[in-house]
Amino acid sequence: MHSPDILGSGLVAPRLFRLDEYHRLIDVGVLGEDERVELLEGVIVEMAPQGRAHALVVSRLSESFSDARRSDCRVRVQLSLSLGDDSEPEPDLAIVTRQEEETAPVHPRSALLVVEVADESLRRDRLLKGRIYARARVPEYWVVDVAGQTVEVYSEPDADAGRYRTMRTLGVGETLSSSTLPRLALPVAELFA
């Protein structure tokens, strides 16, 4: 026997959350502060566990970013960004201005550079998170493909379209650089050594 058709299509629409509602879920303890979830376009999404290769890449990038960072910026490692009214991703790394970090009501509402290290999350990082970061006008977004040993560098965000106009892929024989971190010259091969 079939259950009654609630919406006429057999499907129940998911409940989307706004950023303030998401924070209330954390404040009242429905979601633990150290729970591995993030809010992406209104949906609370569980984050994949980090493997050894993922952790090594994050560590190597963090060290390189810290060495090359500007004095007016901070390197945030696996900390949230409050982007728009419906998204609070937790990128692996983000470069934010000191002023933004110190004056943000909860988490920074913008970043100069965001990096996602992807293994199982590659498709989500390319499409969904790419759209979120472009809409937030993050000037530079990197997706590190652990399995493919490449780094996809996205730039020129089109906030209205929710996409980046430019993308280039760098492999192990190439060197990463960034307009945000002018002193950075990181051989891609070092990320995967």
Foldseek 3Di string as FASTA:
>chain_A
DDDDQPVVPNDDDDQFAWPVVVVVCCVVVVDPPPQQWWWFQRDIGHDDDDDPLLVLLLVVVQVLCVVQADPQKDKDAQAWAREPTTTIDRFRIFIAGPVQQVPPPPGRHATQETEHEDEPCQVCCQPRVQLRNLLSVRAWYWYQHLVQLKIKIFGCRDNVVSHGPDIDIGHQQAWDADPNRRVGTHRSVVSND
